[in-house]
Amino acid sequence: MKTKGELTKQNILKESIKLFSKQSFKNVTIRQIAKAAGISPASIYKYYDTQEDLYYAAMQSASQELINVLQTAETLEALVKTYLHHMLISEVLFEIMTYFSLDKENEKNILPISNEINYFLDLLENMIAGENAKIEAQLLFSTLNGLIISYKKIPDRNDETNFDAIQRLADYYIMQLKKRL
């Protein structure tokens, strides 16, 4: 059973994930997070040293959720479909990463989820296999993210239509990839 402190920390993280997926880091305040979590702003600092630490924890939590889902995929096609679905339909991680990437004032400028990204690249590489598996995994990862960025917010189209279009393009890419191998 979790302690009251562990539950509070978990609630702070859950509420911050919601807020950071709707607004950029600099537009979310500790006061907003505290209000959403039902605690005082000072209480947040018992669990997180800075707002930036909380932001990184939110991004890592969202990316770990993705990793947990990806581990069930048994084929390259299933892995890609799971990734796309998670990034498009369960869009929290996509939105947080987008805000992070667009923040030109970010001093670190390095995604704090590099371990999770490398894990996904390793999954892709292992499923692709072969002499050029590493570069093909990197190309596939870049292609998938490019498709998401290009097609996610097309006006007058719903998420399902966008997902179908992206999935068709990803399937075509995988088919061409398999021909190259």
Protein backbone atom coordinates (compact mmCIF):
# COMPACT_ATOMS: atom_id res chain seq x y z
CA MET A 1 0.00 0.00 0.00
CA LYS A 2 1.29 3.44 -0.90
CA THR A 3 1.90 6.08 1.72
CA LYS A 4 0.10 9.41 1.69
CA GLY A 5 3.32 11.03 0.43
CA GLU A 6 3.66 8.55 -2.44
CA LEU A 7 0.03 9.11 -3.42
CA THR A 8 0.51 12.88 -3.31
CA LYS A 9 3.63 12.67 -5.50
CA GLN A 10 1.79 10.40 -7.93
CA ASN A 11 -1.14 12.85 -8.07
CA ILE A 12 1.18 15.82 -8.66
CA LEU A 13 2.80 13.93 -11.54
CA LYS A 14 -0.56 12.89 -13.02
CA GLU A 15 -1.91 16.45 -12.94
CA SER A 16 1.32 17.94 -14.30
CA ILE A 17 1.25 15.50 -17.22
CA LYS A 18 -2.24 16.73 -18.09
CA LEU A 19 -1.18 20.37 -17.93
CA PHE A 20 2.13 19.96 -19.76
CA SER A 21 0.36 18.13 -22.58
CA LYS A 22 -1.93 21.14 -23.08
CA GLN A 23 0.53 24.01 -22.66
CA SER A 24 4.25 24.62 -22.93
CA PHE A 25 6.52 24.40 -19.90
CA LYS A 26 6.79 28.17 -19.55
CA ASN A 27 3.00 28.58 -19.67
CA VAL A 28 2.31 26.12 -16.86
CA THR A 29 2.84 27.41 -13.35
CA ILE A 30 3.47 25.60 -10.09
CA ARG A 31 0.32 27.29 -8.82
CA GLN A 32 -1.74 25.70 -11.64
CA ILE A 33 -0.27 22.27 -10.94
CA ALA A 34 -0.90 22.64 -7.21
CA LYS A 35 -4.50 23.71 -7.80
CA ALA A 36 -5.12 20.75 -10.12
CA ALA A 37 -3.54 18.39 -7.57
CA GLY A 38 -5.50 19.92 -4.69
CA ILE A 39 -2.44 20.94 -2.67
CA SER A 40 -0.50 24.10 -1.88
CA PRO A 41 2.24 25.25 -4.27
CA ALA A 42 4.84 24.83 -1.51
CA SER A 43 3.88 21.17 -1.13
CA ILE A 44 5.10 20.41 -4.65
CA TYR A 45 8.65 21.31 -3.64
CA LYS A 46 8.63 18.49 -1.07
CA TYR A 47 8.60 16.07 -4.00
CA TYR A 48 10.28 17.97 -6.85
CA ASP A 49 13.14 20.44 -6.45
CA THR A 50 12.12 22.58 -9.43
CA GLN A 51 9.34 22.91 -11.95
CA GLU A 52 11.82 21.69 -14.56
CA ASP A 53 12.40 18.49 -12.54
CA LEU A 54 8.65 17.93 -12.47
CA TYR A 55 8.43 18.58 -16.21
CA TYR A 56 11.14 16.01 -16.92
CA ALA A 57 9.49 13.52 -14.57
CA ALA A 58 6.22 14.03 -16.47
CA MET A 59 7.92 13.42 -19.80
CA GLN A 60 9.70 10.32 -18.49
CA SER A 61 6.49 8.94 -17.00
CA ALA A 62 4.62 9.42 -20.28
CA SER A 63 7.45 7.83 -22.26
CA GLN A 64 7.67 4.88 -19.87
CA GLU A 65 3.97 4.26 -20.49
CA LEU A 66 4.76 4.04 -24.20
CA ILE A 67 7.66 1.64 -23.59
CA ASN A 68 5.39 -0.63 -21.54
CA VAL A 69 2.91 -0.81 -24.42
CA LEU A 70 5.61 -1.33 -27.07
CA GLN A 71 7.05 -4.35 -25.27
CA THR A 72 4.00 -6.41 -26.23
CA ALA A 73 4.59 -6.07 -29.99
CA GLU A 74 5.90 -9.20 -31.68
CA THR A 75 6.40 -7.97 -35.24
CA LEU A 76 7.77 -4.82 -36.82
CA GLU A 77 4.33 -3.98 -38.18
CA ALA A 78 2.74 -4.38 -34.74
CA LEU A 79 5.48 -2.31 -33.13
CA VAL A 80 4.99 0.53 -35.62
CA LYS A 81 1.20 0.41 -35.33
CA THR A 82 1.41 0.47 -31.52
CA TYR A 83 3.82 3.40 -31.59
CA LEU A 84 1.68 5.39 -34.01
CA HIS A 85 -1.50 4.64 -32.11
CA HIS A 86 0.02 5.70 -28.81
CA MET A 87 1.51 8.90 -30.19
CA LEU A 88 -1.66 9.87 -32.05
CA ILE A 89 -4.51 8.63 -29.89
CA SER A 90 -2.89 8.75 -26.44
CA GLU A 91 -1.26 11.98 -27.43
CA VAL A 92 0.15 13.12 -24.08
CA LEU A 93 3.76 12.21 -24.89
CA PHE A 94 3.52 13.64 -28.40
CA GLU A 95 2.22 16.97 -27.06
CA ILE A 96 4.82 17.22 -24.28
CA MET A 97 7.63 16.40 -26.72
CA THR A 98 6.30 18.94 -29.21
CA TYR A 99 6.22 21.71 -26.62
CA PHE A 100 9.72 20.74 -25.49
CA SER A 101 11.07 20.76 -29.06
CA LEU A 102 9.53 24.13 -29.89
CA ASP A 103 10.86 25.86 -26.76
CA LYS A 104 13.78 27.86 -28.13
CA GLU A 105 14.64 29.14 -24.65
CA ASN A 106 15.26 25.63 -23.30
CA GLU A 107 18.86 25.64 -22.09
CA LYS A 108 19.36 21.87 -22.04
CA ASN A 109 17.91 21.30 -25.51
CA ILE A 110 18.29 17.54 -25.02
CA LEU A 111 15.23 15.40 -24.56
CA PRO A 112 15.32 13.94 -21.06
CA ILE A 113 13.95 10.68 -22.42
CA SER A 114 16.96 9.63 -24.47
CA ASN A 115 17.06 6.24 -22.72
CA GLU A 116 13.47 5.56 -23.74
CA ILE A 117 14.12 6.69 -27.32
CA ASN A 118 17.20 4.47 -27.48
CA TYR A 119 15.15 1.56 -26.14
CA PHE A 120 12.58 2.05 -28.92
CA LEU A 121 15.37 2.29 -31.50
CA ASP A 122 16.80 -0.98 -30.13
CA LEU A 123 13.39 -2.64 -30.50
CA LEU A 124 13.17 -1.45 -34.10
CA GLU A 125 16.74 -2.53 -34.83
CA ASN A 126 16.18 -6.01 -33.39
CA MET A 127 13.04 -6.49 -35.47
CA ILE A 128 14.66 -5.19 -38.65
CA ALA A 129 17.90 -7.18 -38.13
CA GLY A 130 20.54 -7.45 -40.81
CA GLU A 131 23.63 -5.53 -41.79
CA ASN A 132 22.03 -2.06 -41.93
CA ALA A 133 19.52 -2.55 -39.11
CA LYS A 134 20.78 0.36 -37.02
CA ILE A 135 20.52 2.96 -39.78
CA GLU A 136 17.22 1.52 -41.01
CA ALA A 137 15.83 1.74 -37.45
CA GLN A 138 16.89 5.38 -37.23
CA LEU A 139 15.36 6.15 -40.62
CA LEU A 140 12.12 4.41 -39.66
CA PHE A 141 11.94 6.28 -36.34
CA SER A 142 12.51 9.62 -38.11
CA THR A 143 9.97 8.74 -40.79
CA LEU A 144 7.30 7.80 -38.24
CA ASN A 145 7.79 11.03 -36.32
CA GLY A 146 7.75 13.03 -39.54
CA LEU A 147 4.46 11.38 -40.52
CA ILE A 148 2.97 12.16 -37.12
CA ILE A 149 4.06 15.80 -37.27
CA SER A 150 2.85 16.20 -40.87
CA TYR A 151 -0.54 14.54 -40.54
CA LYS A 152 -1.65 14.83 -36.92
CA LYS A 153 -3.38 18.18 -37.03
CA ILE A 154 -4.83 18.32 -40.54
CA PRO A 155 -7.92 20.54 -40.35
CA ASP A 156 -11.35 19.05 -41.04
CA ARG A 157 -10.13 15.47 -40.49
CA ASN A 158 -10.72 13.42 -37.38
CA ASP A 159 -8.05 11.47 -35.50
CA GLU A 160 -9.14 8.16 -37.01
CA THR A 161 -8.82 9.46 -40.58
CA ASN A 162 -5.40 10.92 -39.80
CA PHE A 163 -4.30 7.69 -38.12
CA ASP A 164 -5.44 5.64 -41.13
CA ALA A 165 -3.50 7.89 -43.52
CA ILE A 166 -0.36 7.71 -41.41
CA GLN A 167 -0.69 3.96 -40.98
CA ARG A 168 -1.01 3.43 -44.74
CA LEU A 169 2.16 5.45 -45.32
CA ALA A 170 4.00 3.61 -42.54
CA ASP A 171 2.91 0.26 -43.98
CA TYR A 172 4.22 1.31 -47.39
CA TYR A 173 7.52 2.38 -45.84
CA ILE A 174 7.88 -0.97 -44.05
CA MET A 175 7.09 -2.82 -47.28
CA GLN A 176 9.85 -0.87 -49.06
CA LEU A 177 12.19 -1.43 -46.12
CA LYS A 178 11.68 -5.19 -46.33
CA LYS A 179 12.49 -5.11 -50.03
CA ARG A 180 15.79 -3.37 -49.26
CA LEU A 181 16.80 -5.95 -46.68
